[in-house]
């Protein structure tokens, strides 16, 4: 499932944090996912360690991290769209089968000693494609498994499950790798996928009624991009995440070399180090509620950045193993703090209709920063050594954290439930839903004394129009009647405008009412819908 934070407006769950586990379907899928994630972490340990056997180049080691995260950067948005328009259960089964095939190939090649750097990077990249497709879909099925009042607890349990797997998987993978070799480690991963597939096949997901306004891939893709491009508050979260994880990626990319070269250990130590990170993440998740009572989101992210930078700087000095383990406990706590705070802020400012696609953009930025950072710091380490490859990004992370602290994160306190306050437009036949573009005109009569205040308010409203479906927007003044202003916006089809009616959240409805209050006419502002007409056929062709 996913370790992102819950929607900001979920109601408290009176049944307690573990109440969703009383739902049989959620409990079975949750336990299967923990097993699947343990297998995934074991596979990652084997791949990261094998590349150090095949090559001593830091750039080659960093390529494994980049190959795992780059597909998410490239495919996050299409994956978010597919999660909205396909049967999610069947889609997840297909993805699990594909991932099992990838690990099966790795198992066979490792058993025969036929793995090379090129093959390993390619297979890790293919596995990353599966992970990219799976992430938004797992996230989207949670509301199908629990009641709305339990949604917050369900997402928190998903985070706990991921961190349990992160604590167990790397350590178990390292021990299995050291005792029995890479083929056995990959074999466990293959088996874990069939556990997840069995749980998905057992789950009987209820069929949903056909929606006449159901989005298709390209239209949903464009709507998600329009929303993201117009959402300024989301831009702040994306910038903060990109900078934090681009610098922080260094410790993940170079950790195999830290274990081998700086701490003089083997595969078992590497797995134990990763297990310490997972254990630290669990401890951090447990401590976060108390921290959140004292610190706001901006200070939480700053604290995480400074703690991560300190860990990277001390690791660069080749500390004793016992101190390295303590440092990685701190790293896990800081990492989960940053992930949860930034991801939770993104969740809290997103309406339900576009949540999967917008979170896919967030995942794209996160994984793009991790992939690019891994490659850059791997190349830096190759030129100046592993220690400086950690120390330089540590300084960058601390500096970026202090500078970006001034770019305040949104509070996420707005009511994003659909207001449904627009009157229904004149209905058209269903076959006309694809007609477009549609030009919507809203005519206001505004007193001269209110002109500046009206224009300020209506320009604030433009962001909402563009987020909810418009691809262009403007406001005009009547040259013959200076008190008449027309707000206009373009939507790509009549169906998309009907969806717009269902998307406007309550917070933006309040802004629309504020704009409408400037209208001084005897009736409400006049609204018109103009549909484009295609080029008529020539007379001869018409016959």
Protein backbone atom coordinates (compact mmCIF):
# COMPACT_ATOMS: atom_id res chain seq x y z
CA UNK A 1 0.00 0.00 0.00
CA UNK A 2 1.51 3.39 0.75
CA UNK A 3 3.20 5.29 3.54
CA UNK A 4 1.78 8.69 2.71
CA UNK A 5 -0.24 10.67 5.20
CA UNK A 6 -3.99 10.69 5.38
CA UNK A 7 -6.37 13.19 3.81
CA UNK A 8 -6.49 16.34 5.86
CA UNK A 9 -10.26 16.31 6.35
CA UNK A 10 -10.73 12.73 7.51
CA UNK A 11 -12.79 12.53 10.68
CA UNK A 12 -11.27 11.08 13.86
CA UNK A 13 -11.75 7.36 14.23
CA UNK A 14 -13.46 6.52 17.53
CA UNK A 15 -12.43 2.85 17.19
CA UNK A 16 -8.73 3.54 17.67
CA UNK A 17 -5.67 3.42 15.45
CA UNK A 18 -5.98 -0.34 14.78
CA UNK A 19 -9.73 -0.34 14.03
CA UNK A 20 -9.26 -0.92 10.24
CA UNK A 21 -7.63 -4.29 10.99
CA UNK A 22 -11.05 -5.47 12.23
CA UNK A 23 -12.14 -5.31 8.59
CA UNK A 24 -11.17 -8.72 7.16
CA UNK A 25 -10.41 -7.43 3.65
CA UNK A 26 -8.19 -4.64 4.87
CA UNK A 27 -6.39 -6.93 7.33
CA UNK A 28 -5.68 -9.61 4.70
CA UNK A 29 -4.42 -7.10 2.12
CA UNK A 30 -2.40 -5.24 4.77
CA UNK A 31 -0.62 -8.42 5.92
CA UNK A 32 -0.03 -9.53 2.33
CA UNK A 33 1.44 -6.14 1.52
CA UNK A 34 3.81 -6.32 4.49
CA UNK A 35 5.06 -9.68 3.18
CA UNK A 36 5.34 -8.25 -0.35
CA UNK A 37 7.29 -5.21 0.86
CA UNK A 38 9.64 -7.42 2.89
CA UNK A 39 10.37 -9.34 -0.30
CA UNK A 40 10.89 -6.11 -2.21
CA UNK A 41 13.38 -4.78 0.34
CA UNK A 42 15.24 -8.11 0.29
CA UNK A 43 15.46 -7.90 -3.52
CA UNK A 44 16.77 -4.34 -3.33
CA UNK A 45 19.49 -5.37 -0.88
CA UNK A 46 20.59 -8.19 -3.15
CA UNK A 47 20.70 -5.95 -6.22
CA UNK A 48 22.54 -3.13 -4.47
CA UNK A 49 25.12 -5.51 -3.02
CA UNK A 50 25.62 -7.53 -6.20
CA UNK A 51 26.58 -4.40 -8.11
CA UNK A 52 29.43 -3.79 -5.64
CA UNK A 53 30.69 -7.31 -6.44
CA UNK A 54 30.46 -6.62 -10.17
CA UNK A 55 32.04 -3.15 -10.06
CA UNK A 56 33.81 -0.95 -7.52
CA UNK A 57 32.68 2.22 -9.32
CA UNK A 58 30.48 4.53 -7.17
CA UNK A 59 28.68 5.61 -10.37
CA UNK A 60 27.70 2.00 -11.05
CA UNK A 61 26.39 1.59 -7.50
CA UNK A 62 24.39 4.81 -7.79
CA UNK A 63 22.90 3.63 -11.10
CA UNK A 64 20.96 0.92 -9.23
CA UNK A 65 19.23 3.56 -7.09
CA UNK A 66 18.57 5.68 -10.17
CA UNK A 67 17.23 2.72 -12.18
CA UNK A 68 14.76 1.91 -9.38
CA UNK A 69 13.44 5.46 -9.01
CA UNK A 70 13.61 6.84 -12.57
CA UNK A 71 10.55 4.88 -13.81
CA UNK A 72 8.43 6.46 -11.11
CA UNK A 73 9.61 9.86 -12.27
CA UNK A 74 8.70 9.01 -15.87
CA UNK A 75 5.47 7.08 -15.32
CA UNK A 76 3.91 8.45 -12.15
CA UNK A 77 1.26 10.56 -13.89
CA UNK A 78 0.17 7.87 -16.39
CA UNK A 79 0.02 5.44 -13.46
CA UNK A 80 -2.20 7.84 -11.53
CA UNK A 81 -4.53 8.15 -14.52
CA UNK A 82 -4.71 4.39 -15.02
CA UNK A 83 -5.54 3.89 -11.35
CA UNK A 84 -8.63 6.05 -11.89
CA UNK A 85 -9.94 4.49 -15.11
CA UNK A 86 -9.13 0.75 -14.83
CA UNK A 87 -10.36 -1.99 -12.53
CA UNK A 88 -7.83 -1.54 -9.74
CA UNK A 89 -7.88 -5.11 -8.44
CA UNK A 90 -7.17 -6.66 -11.84
CA UNK A 91 -4.58 -3.99 -12.60
CA UNK A 92 -2.73 -4.80 -9.38
CA UNK A 93 -2.77 -8.55 -10.12
CA UNK A 94 -1.20 -7.94 -13.54
CA UNK A 95 1.48 -5.71 -12.00
CA UNK A 96 2.32 -8.31 -9.34
CA UNK A 97 2.70 -10.99 -12.01
CA UNK A 98 5.06 -8.74 -13.95
CA UNK A 99 7.18 -8.03 -10.89
CA UNK A 100 7.32 -11.75 -10.06
CA UNK A 101 8.59 -12.39 -13.59
CA UNK A 102 11.35 -9.77 -13.18
CA UNK A 103 12.54 -11.27 -9.90
CA UNK A 104 12.29 -14.76 -11.39
CA UNK A 105 14.67 -13.75 -14.18
CA UNK A 106 17.07 -12.25 -11.61
CA UNK A 107 16.89 -15.45 -9.54
CA UNK A 108 17.70 -17.62 -12.57
CA UNK A 109 20.57 -15.46 -13.77
CA UNK A 110 22.04 -15.15 -10.25
CA UNK A 111 21.88 -18.93 -9.77
CA UNK A 112 23.77 -19.45 -13.05
CA UNK A 113 26.26 -16.64 -12.36
CA UNK A 114 25.17 -14.83 -15.52
CA UNK A 115 24.37 -11.39 -14.09
CA UNK A 116 26.21 -8.35 -15.45
CA UNK A 117 25.97 -4.66 -14.58
CA UNK A 118 23.91 -4.01 -17.70
CA UNK A 119 21.46 -6.85 -17.06
CA UNK A 120 21.11 -5.93 -13.38
CA UNK A 121 20.40 -2.27 -14.11
CA UNK A 122 17.90 -3.25 -16.84
CA UNK A 123 15.99 -5.64 -14.58
CA UNK A 124 15.95 -3.13 -11.72
CA UNK A 125 14.57 -0.57 -14.19
CA UNK A 126 11.81 -3.00 -15.26
CA UNK A 127 10.99 -3.62 -11.61
CA UNK A 128 10.83 0.14 -11.12
CA UNK A 129 8.22 0.33 -13.88
CA UNK A 130 6.04 -2.11 -11.97
CA UNK A 131 6.51 -0.17 -8.75
CA UNK A 132 5.63 3.06 -10.56
CA UNK A 133 2.37 1.56 -11.80
CA UNK A 134 1.53 0.02 -8.43
CA UNK A 135 2.00 3.00 -6.10
CA UNK A 136 -0.96 5.23 -7.03
CA UNK A 137 -3.25 2.21 -7.38
CA UNK A 138 -2.51 0.86 -3.89
CA UNK A 139 -3.12 4.35 -2.56
CA UNK A 140 -6.44 4.60 -4.39
CA UNK A 141 -7.97 1.34 -3.08
CA UNK A 142 -7.82 2.28 0.61
CA UNK A 143 -11.22 4.09 0.58
CA UNK A 144 -12.72 0.88 -0.90
CA UNK A 145 -11.55 -1.15 2.10
CA UNK A 146 -12.58 0.90 5.14
CA UNK A 147 -15.27 3.35 6.20
CA UNK A 148 -14.57 7.06 5.80
CA UNK A 149 -14.16 7.53 9.56
CA UNK A 150 -11.37 4.90 9.54
CA UNK A 151 -9.51 6.26 6.51
CA UNK A 152 -6.94 8.19 8.55
CA UNK A 153 -6.13 5.15 10.68
CA UNK A 154 -5.92 2.94 7.58
CA UNK A 155 -3.36 5.16 5.91
CA UNK A 156 -1.36 5.36 9.14
CA UNK A 157 -1.39 1.55 9.34
CA UNK A 158 -0.10 1.41 5.77
CA UNK A 159 2.79 3.63 6.83
CA UNK A 160 3.44 1.36 9.80
CA UNK A 161 3.39 -1.71 7.53
CA UNK A 162 5.91 -0.20 5.13
CA UNK A 163 8.26 0.64 7.97
CA UNK A 164 7.87 -2.81 9.55
CA UNK A 165 8.93 -4.23 6.18
CA UNK A 166 11.74 -1.69 5.97
CA UNK A 167 12.99 -2.79 9.39
CA UNK A 168 12.78 -6.55 8.63
CA UNK A 169 13.41 -6.82 4.90
CA UNK A 170 16.90 -5.32 4.52
CA UNK A 171 18.31 -7.13 7.55
CA UNK A 172 16.73 -10.45 6.50
CA UNK A 173 17.87 -9.90 2.93
CA UNK A 174 21.42 -9.19 4.00
CA UNK A 175 21.56 -12.31 6.19
CA UNK A 176 19.98 -14.51 3.51
CA UNK A 177 22.34 -13.06 0.91
CA UNK A 178 25.38 -13.76 3.08
CA UNK A 179 24.24 -17.30 3.96
CA UNK A 180 22.71 -18.63 0.74
CA UNK A 181 23.47 -16.14 -2.03
CA UNK A 182 21.51 -13.77 -4.27
CA UNK A 183 19.42 -16.49 -5.97
CA UNK A 184 17.80 -17.49 -2.66
CA UNK A 185 17.09 -13.84 -1.83
CA UNK A 186 15.39 -13.28 -5.18
CA UNK A 187 13.44 -16.54 -4.71
CA UNK A 188 11.90 -15.20 -1.50
CA UNK A 189 10.86 -12.06 -3.38
CA UNK A 190 9.17 -14.15 -6.09
CA UNK A 191 7.22 -16.06 -3.43
CA UNK A 192 6.13 -12.80 -1.75
CA UNK A 193 4.42 -11.61 -4.94
CA UNK A 194 2.24 -14.71 -5.06
CA UNK A 195 1.16 -14.02 -1.48
CA UNK A 196 -0.05 -10.59 -2.59
CA UNK A 197 -1.71 -12.04 -5.72
CA UNK A 198 -3.58 -14.60 -3.62
CA UNK A 199 -4.90 -11.83 -1.35
CA UNK A 200 -6.01 -9.75 -4.34
CA UNK A 201 -7.78 -12.70 -5.97
CA UNK A 202 -9.53 -13.42 -2.65
CA UNK A 203 -10.76 -9.80 -2.43
CA UNK A 204 -14.14 -9.45 -4.10
CA UNK A 205 -14.27 -5.77 -4.97
CA UNK A 206 -17.85 -4.55 -5.54
CA UNK A 207 -18.65 -3.33 -9.01
CA UNK A 208 -19.33 0.37 -9.35
CA UNK A 209 -22.18 1.72 -11.50
CA UNK A 210 -21.23 3.05 -14.90
CA UNK A 211 -20.55 6.81 -14.81
CA UNK A 212 -21.70 8.60 -17.99
CA UNK A 213 -19.05 11.26 -17.30
CA UNK A 214 -16.24 8.75 -16.68
CA UNK A 215 -12.94 10.20 -17.83
CA UNK A 216 -10.82 8.61 -20.53
CA UNK A 217 -7.04 8.38 -20.39
CA UNK A 218 -5.98 11.42 -22.42
CA UNK A 219 -8.66 13.69 -21.01
CA UNK A 220 -7.89 12.61 -17.44
CA UNK A 221 -4.18 13.06 -18.11
CA UNK A 222 -4.71 16.63 -19.36
CA UNK A 223 -7.03 17.45 -16.45
CA UNK A 224 -4.40 16.29 -13.96
CA UNK A 225 -1.71 18.39 -15.61
CA UNK A 226 -3.95 21.47 -15.70
CA UNK A 227 -4.75 21.08 -12.02
CA UNK A 228 -1.10 20.70 -11.04
CA UNK A 229 0.05 23.60 -13.20
CA UNK A 230 -2.52 25.97 -11.68
CA UNK A 231 -2.18 24.94 -8.00
CA UNK A 232 0.32 27.37 -6.45
CA UNK A 233 0.18 25.84 -2.99
CA UNK A 234 1.09 22.45 -4.44
CA UNK A 235 4.05 24.09 -6.17
CA UNK A 236 5.47 25.05 -2.77
CA UNK A 237 5.27 21.44 -1.58
CA UNK A 238 6.89 20.19 -4.79
CA UNK A 239 9.80 22.65 -4.56
CA UNK A 240 10.44 21.81 -0.91
CA UNK A 241 10.33 18.06 -1.64
CA UNK A 242 12.57 18.30 -4.72
CA UNK A 243 15.32 20.15 -2.89
CA UNK A 244 15.17 18.01 0.25
CA UNK A 245 15.30 14.65 -1.52
CA UNK A 246 17.79 15.66 -4.22
CA UNK A 247 20.41 16.29 -1.53
CA UNK A 248 19.22 13.52 0.80
CA UNK A 249 19.43 10.89 -1.95
CA UNK A 250 23.20 10.75 -1.51
CA UNK A 251 23.06 8.65 1.64
CA UNK A 252 20.80 6.05 -0.01
CA UNK A 253 22.86 5.85 -3.19
CA UNK A 254 26.19 5.52 -1.39
CA UNK A 255 25.15 3.41 1.62
CA UNK A 256 26.48 0.14 0.09
CA UNK A 257 29.88 1.83 -0.25
CA UNK A 258 29.62 3.20 3.28
CA UNK A 259 29.14 -0.37 4.53
CA UNK A 260 31.93 -1.82 2.37
CA UNK A 261 34.57 0.93 2.28
CA UNK A 262 34.03 3.18 5.29
CA UNK A 263 32.78 0.58 7.79
CA UNK A 264 34.68 -2.37 6.27
CA UNK A 265 31.68 -4.71 6.44
CA UNK A 266 29.92 -7.16 4.16
CA UNK A 267 26.40 -7.85 2.89
CA UNK A 268 25.16 -8.73 6.37
CA UNK A 269 26.26 -5.37 7.76
CA UNK A 270 24.64 -3.56 4.83
CA UNK A 271 21.33 -5.28 5.54
CA UNK A 272 21.61 -4.46 9.25
CA UNK A 273 22.29 -0.80 8.41
CA UNK A 274 19.15 -0.67 6.28
CA UNK A 275 17.24 -2.43 9.03
CA UNK A 276 18.38 0.28 11.45
CA UNK A 277 16.94 2.88 9.09
CA UNK A 278 13.62 1.01 9.07
CA UNK A 279 13.59 0.69 12.86
CA UNK A 280 14.38 4.39 13.14
CA UNK A 281 11.44 5.14 10.83
CA UNK A 282 9.10 3.19 13.12
CA UNK A 283 10.40 5.05 16.18
CA UNK A 284 10.07 8.34 14.30
CA UNK A 285 6.49 7.54 13.29
CA UNK A 286 5.63 6.83 16.94
CA UNK A 287 7.28 10.06 18.10
CA UNK A 288 5.73 12.28 15.43
CA UNK A 289 2.36 12.95 17.14
CA UNK A 290 4.19 14.43 20.14
CA UNK A 291 6.47 16.48 17.90
CA UNK A 292 3.52 17.78 15.90
CA UNK A 293 2.02 19.19 19.08
CA UNK A 294 5.09 21.44 19.46
CA UNK A 295 6.24 22.10 15.88
CA UNK A 296 4.42 23.11 12.71
CA UNK A 297 5.07 21.47 9.34
CA UNK A 298 7.80 23.94 8.35
CA UNK A 299 9.81 23.31 11.51
CA UNK A 300 9.30 19.54 11.15
CA UNK A 301 10.83 19.58 7.66
CA UNK A 302 13.67 21.85 8.79
CA UNK A 303 14.42 19.54 11.73
CA UNK A 304 14.42 16.53 9.38
CA UNK A 305 16.79 18.28 6.96
CA UNK A 306 19.29 19.26 9.65
CA UNK A 307 19.20 15.80 11.25
CA UNK A 308 19.72 14.06 7.89
CA UNK A 309 22.58 16.41 7.02
CA UNK A 310 24.25 15.72 10.37
CA UNK A 311 23.99 11.95 9.86
CA UNK A 312 25.53 12.21 6.38
CA UNK A 313 28.38 14.41 7.65
CA UNK A 314 29.28 12.06 10.52
CA UNK A 315 29.05 8.95 8.31
CA UNK A 316 31.53 10.57 5.92
CA UNK A 317 34.12 10.41 8.75
CA UNK A 318 33.94 6.56 8.88
CA UNK A 319 32.62 6.24 12.47
CA UNK A 320 32.62 2.98 14.46
CA UNK A 321 29.89 0.52 13.49
CA UNK A 322 27.96 1.03 16.73
CA UNK A 323 27.82 4.78 16.13
CA UNK A 324 26.83 4.25 12.50
CA UNK A 325 23.88 2.14 13.64
CA UNK A 326 22.74 4.89 16.02
CA UNK A 327 23.11 7.45 13.23
CA UNK A 328 20.98 5.37 10.88
CA UNK A 329 18.27 5.12 13.53
CA UNK A 330 18.25 8.92 13.50
CA UNK A 331 18.28 8.94 9.70
CA UNK A 332 15.20 6.71 9.60
CA UNK A 333 13.36 9.00 12.01
CA UNK A 334 14.31 12.11 10.06
CA UNK A 335 13.45 10.51 6.72
CA UNK A 336 9.96 9.39 7.77
CA UNK A 337 9.37 12.82 9.31
CA UNK A 338 10.12 14.54 6.01
CA UNK A 339 8.17 11.99 3.95
CA UNK A 340 5.10 12.12 6.16
CA UNK A 341 5.08 15.90 6.60
CA UNK A 342 5.55 16.77 2.93
CA UNK A 343 3.30 13.95 1.70
CA UNK A 344 0.64 14.76 4.28
CA UNK A 345 0.67 18.43 3.31
CA UNK A 346 0.18 17.45 -0.33
CA UNK A 347 -2.73 15.18 0.62
CA UNK A 348 -4.39 17.89 2.69
CA UNK A 349 -4.56 20.40 -0.19
CA UNK A 350 -5.89 17.98 -2.84
CA UNK A 351 -9.58 17.30 -3.58
CA UNK A 352 -10.66 13.71 -4.05
CA UNK A 353 -11.37 13.89 -7.79
CA UNK A 354 -7.73 14.52 -8.67
CA UNK A 355 -5.95 13.11 -5.63
CA UNK A 356 -4.37 10.13 -7.40
CA UNK A 357 -3.06 12.17 -10.32
CA UNK A 358 -1.74 15.04 -8.23
CA UNK A 359 -0.08 12.68 -5.77
CA UNK A 360 1.45 10.96 -8.79
CA UNK A 361 3.02 14.31 -9.70
CA UNK A 362 4.35 14.52 -6.14
CA UNK A 363 5.77 11.00 -6.48
CA UNK A 364 7.28 11.96 -9.82
CA UNK A 365 9.07 14.91 -8.23
CA UNK A 366 10.19 12.81 -5.26
CA UNK A 367 11.54 9.96 -7.37
CA UNK A 368 12.98 12.31 -9.98
CA UNK A 369 14.91 14.10 -7.26
CA UNK A 370 16.09 10.76 -5.85
CA UNK A 371 17.13 9.44 -9.28
CA UNK A 372 18.91 12.61 -10.39
CA UNK A 373 20.53 13.07 -6.99
CA UNK A 374 21.73 9.46 -6.94
CA UNK A 375 23.41 9.83 -10.33
CA UNK A 376 24.98 13.20 -9.48
CA UNK A 377 26.32 12.19 -6.08
CA UNK A 378 27.51 8.85 -7.46
CA UNK A 379 29.56 10.71 -10.07
CA UNK A 380 30.81 13.15 -7.43
CA UNK A 381 31.87 10.25 -5.17
CA UNK A 382 33.66 8.63 -8.09
CA UNK A 383 35.74 11.79 -8.58
CA UNK A 384 36.40 12.85 -4.97
CA UNK A 385 35.70 9.73 -2.90
CA UNK A 386 32.80 8.35 -0.85
CA UNK A 387 33.44 10.62 2.16
CA UNK A 388 33.21 13.86 0.17
CA UNK A 389 30.33 12.36 -1.81
CA UNK A 390 28.42 12.41 1.48
CA UNK A 391 29.82 15.61 2.99
CA UNK A 392 29.09 17.92 0.04
CA UNK A 393 25.35 17.07 -0.23
CA UNK A 394 25.11 17.19 3.58
CA UNK A 395 26.17 20.83 3.48
CA UNK A 396 23.78 21.45 0.59
CA UNK A 397 20.86 19.87 2.44
CA UNK A 398 21.44 21.94 5.57
CA UNK A 399 21.72 25.15 3.55
CA UNK A 400 18.66 24.36 1.42
CA UNK A 401 16.63 23.52 4.53
CA UNK A 402 17.46 26.87 6.13
CA UNK A 403 16.80 28.89 2.96
CA UNK A 404 13.55 27.12 1.99
CA UNK A 405 12.22 27.43 5.53
CA UNK A 406 11.03 30.88 4.42
CA UNK A 407 8.86 29.27 1.70
CA UNK A 408 6.03 28.36 4.04
CA UNK A 409 4.08 25.15 3.49
CA UNK A 410 0.29 25.49 3.13
CA UNK A 411 -1.79 24.69 6.21
CA UNK A 412 -4.23 22.43 4.36
CA UNK A 413 -7.23 23.51 6.41
CA UNK A 414 -9.62 24.36 3.54
CA UNK A 415 -12.86 22.43 3.02
CA UNK A 416 -12.25 20.52 -0.22
CA UNK A 417 -15.48 18.56 -0.37
CA UNK A 418 -17.50 19.32 -3.55
CA UNK A 419 -19.83 22.26 -2.99
CA UNK A 420 -22.17 21.42 -5.92
CA UNK A 421 -23.51 24.97 -5.71
CA UNK A 422 -23.57 25.72 -9.44
CA UNK A 423 -26.99 25.46 -11.08
CA UNK A 424 -27.10 22.67 -13.64
CA UNK A 425 -26.53 23.96 -17.20
CA UNK A 426 -29.06 23.39 -19.97
CA UNK A 427 -28.81 19.64 -20.64
CA UNK A 428 -27.60 18.32 -23.97
CA UNK A 429 -27.96 14.87 -25.47
CA UNK A 430 -25.30 12.43 -24.22
CA UNK A 431 -23.82 12.19 -27.71
CA UNK A 432 -23.02 15.93 -27.48
CA UNK A 433 -20.73 15.44 -24.45
CA UNK A 434 -17.65 15.37 -26.65
CA UNK A 435 -18.48 18.70 -28.30
CA UNK A 436 -16.04 21.47 -27.58
CA UNK A 437 -14.33 23.57 -26.73
CA UNK A 438 -16.93 25.33 -24.58
CA UNK A 439 -16.72 29.05 -23.81
CA UNK A 440 -18.39 30.05 -20.53
CA UNK A 441 -19.26 33.74 -20.13
CA UNK A 442 -20.28 35.27 -16.78
CA UNK A 443 -21.44 38.88 -16.94
CA UNK A 444 -21.16 41.14 -13.87
CA UNK A 445 -22.39 44.69 -13.37
CA UNK A 446 -19.95 46.37 -10.96
CA UNK A 447 -20.07 49.89 -9.53
CA UNK A 448 -17.08 52.07 -10.38
CA UNK A 449 -16.01 52.37 -6.75
CA UNK A 450 -15.75 48.58 -6.52
CA UNK A 451 -13.77 48.08 -9.75
CA UNK A 452 -10.32 47.47 -8.22
CA UNK A 453 -11.59 45.19 -5.44
CA UNK A 454 -13.67 43.20 -7.95
CA UNK A 455 -10.74 42.71 -10.33
CA UNK A 456 -8.52 41.58 -7.46
CA UNK A 457 -11.11 39.03 -6.35
CA UNK A 458 -11.89 37.72 -9.83
CA UNK A 459 -8.20 37.22 -10.58
CA UNK A 460 -7.93 35.16 -7.41
CA UNK A 461 -10.83 33.12 -8.77
CA UNK A 462 -8.91 32.40 -11.98
CA UNK A 463 -6.69 29.84 -10.25
CA UNK A 464 -9.75 27.85 -9.21
CA UNK A 465 -11.20 27.90 -12.74
CA UNK A 466 -7.93 26.62 -14.18
CA UNK A 467 -7.54 23.93 -11.51
CA UNK A 468 -11.02 22.51 -12.00
CA UNK A 469 -10.97 22.12 -15.78
CA UNK A 470 -10.49 25.36 -17.74
CA UNK A 471 -7.50 25.62 -20.08
CA UNK A 472 -7.74 29.40 -20.56
CA UNK A 473 -9.26 32.27 -18.60
CA UNK A 474 -9.70 36.04 -18.83
CA UNK A 475 -11.83 39.04 -17.89
CA UNK A 476 -12.99 41.83 -20.20
CA UNK A 477 -14.51 45.28 -19.77
CA UNK A 478 -17.34 46.55 -22.00
CA UNK A 479 -16.09 49.63 -23.88
CA UNK A 480 -19.63 51.00 -24.26
CA UNK A 481 -20.72 50.23 -20.68
CA UNK A 482 -17.70 50.50 -18.34
CA UNK A 483 -19.64 48.97 -15.43
CA UNK A 484 -20.11 45.65 -17.26
CA UNK A 485 -17.36 43.02 -16.91
CA UNK A 486 -17.33 39.57 -18.46
CA UNK A 487 -15.35 36.73 -16.96
CA UNK A 488 -14.68 34.00 -19.52
CA UNK A 489 -13.00 30.64 -19.48
CA UNK A 490 -12.57 27.81 -21.98
CA UNK A 491 -13.15 24.12 -21.26
CA UNK A 492 -12.15 21.41 -23.72
CA UNK A 493 -15.57 19.69 -23.93
CA UNK A 494 -19.14 19.82 -22.68
CA UNK A 495 -18.51 16.68 -20.60
CA UNK A 496 -15.50 18.33 -18.97
CA UNK A 497 -17.66 21.34 -18.05
CA UNK A 498 -20.23 19.01 -16.48
CA UNK A 499 -17.38 17.50 -14.45
CA UNK A 500 -16.41 21.02 -13.43
CA UNK A 501 -19.81 21.36 -11.80
CA UNK A 502 -18.98 18.34 -9.64
CA UNK A 503 -15.44 19.40 -8.74
CA UNK A 504 -15.64 22.90 -7.24
CA UNK A 505 -14.75 22.55 -3.53
CA UNK A 506 -16.51 24.43 -0.76
CA UNK A 507 -13.47 26.67 -0.15
CA UNK A 508 -13.56 27.91 -3.75
CA UNK A 509 -17.35 28.23 -3.67
CA UNK A 510 -16.88 30.81 -0.94
CA UNK A 511 -14.54 32.75 -3.22
CA UNK A 512 -17.07 32.60 -6.06
CA UNK A 513 -19.73 34.00 -3.76
CA UNK A 514 -17.34 36.78 -2.76
CA UNK A 515 -16.91 37.73 -6.44
CA UNK A 516 -20.66 37.55 -7.06
CA UNK A 517 -21.31 40.01 -4.22
CA UNK A 518 -19.77 42.78 -6.33
CA UNK A 519 -22.55 42.32 -8.89
CA UNK A 520 -25.04 45.17 -8.55
CA UNK A 521 -27.63 44.09 -11.14
CA UNK A 522 -31.24 43.24 -10.29
CA UNK A 523 -30.63 39.55 -10.98
CA UNK A 524 -27.73 37.13 -10.53
CA UNK A 525 -24.78 37.44 -12.94
CA UNK A 526 -25.76 36.21 -16.40
CA UNK A 527 -24.09 32.93 -17.44
CA UNK A 528 -23.84 31.72 -21.05
CA UNK A 529 -22.38 28.53 -22.50
CA UNK A 530 -21.13 28.74 -26.10
CA UNK A 531 -20.19 25.54 -27.93
CA UNK A 532 -17.78 25.59 -30.86
CA UNK A 533 -19.11 24.63 -34.28
CA UNK A 534 -16.90 22.67 -36.66
CA UNK A 535 -16.25 23.66 -40.26
CA UNK A 536 -19.35 22.85 -42.39
CA UNK A 537 -18.99 20.35 -45.21
CA UNK A 538 -19.01 21.62 -48.79
CA UNK A 539 -22.32 21.14 -50.63
CA UNK A 540 -20.93 18.42 -52.88
CA UNK A 541 -19.40 16.49 -49.97
CA UNK A 542 -22.62 16.81 -47.97
CA UNK A 543 -24.48 14.91 -50.64
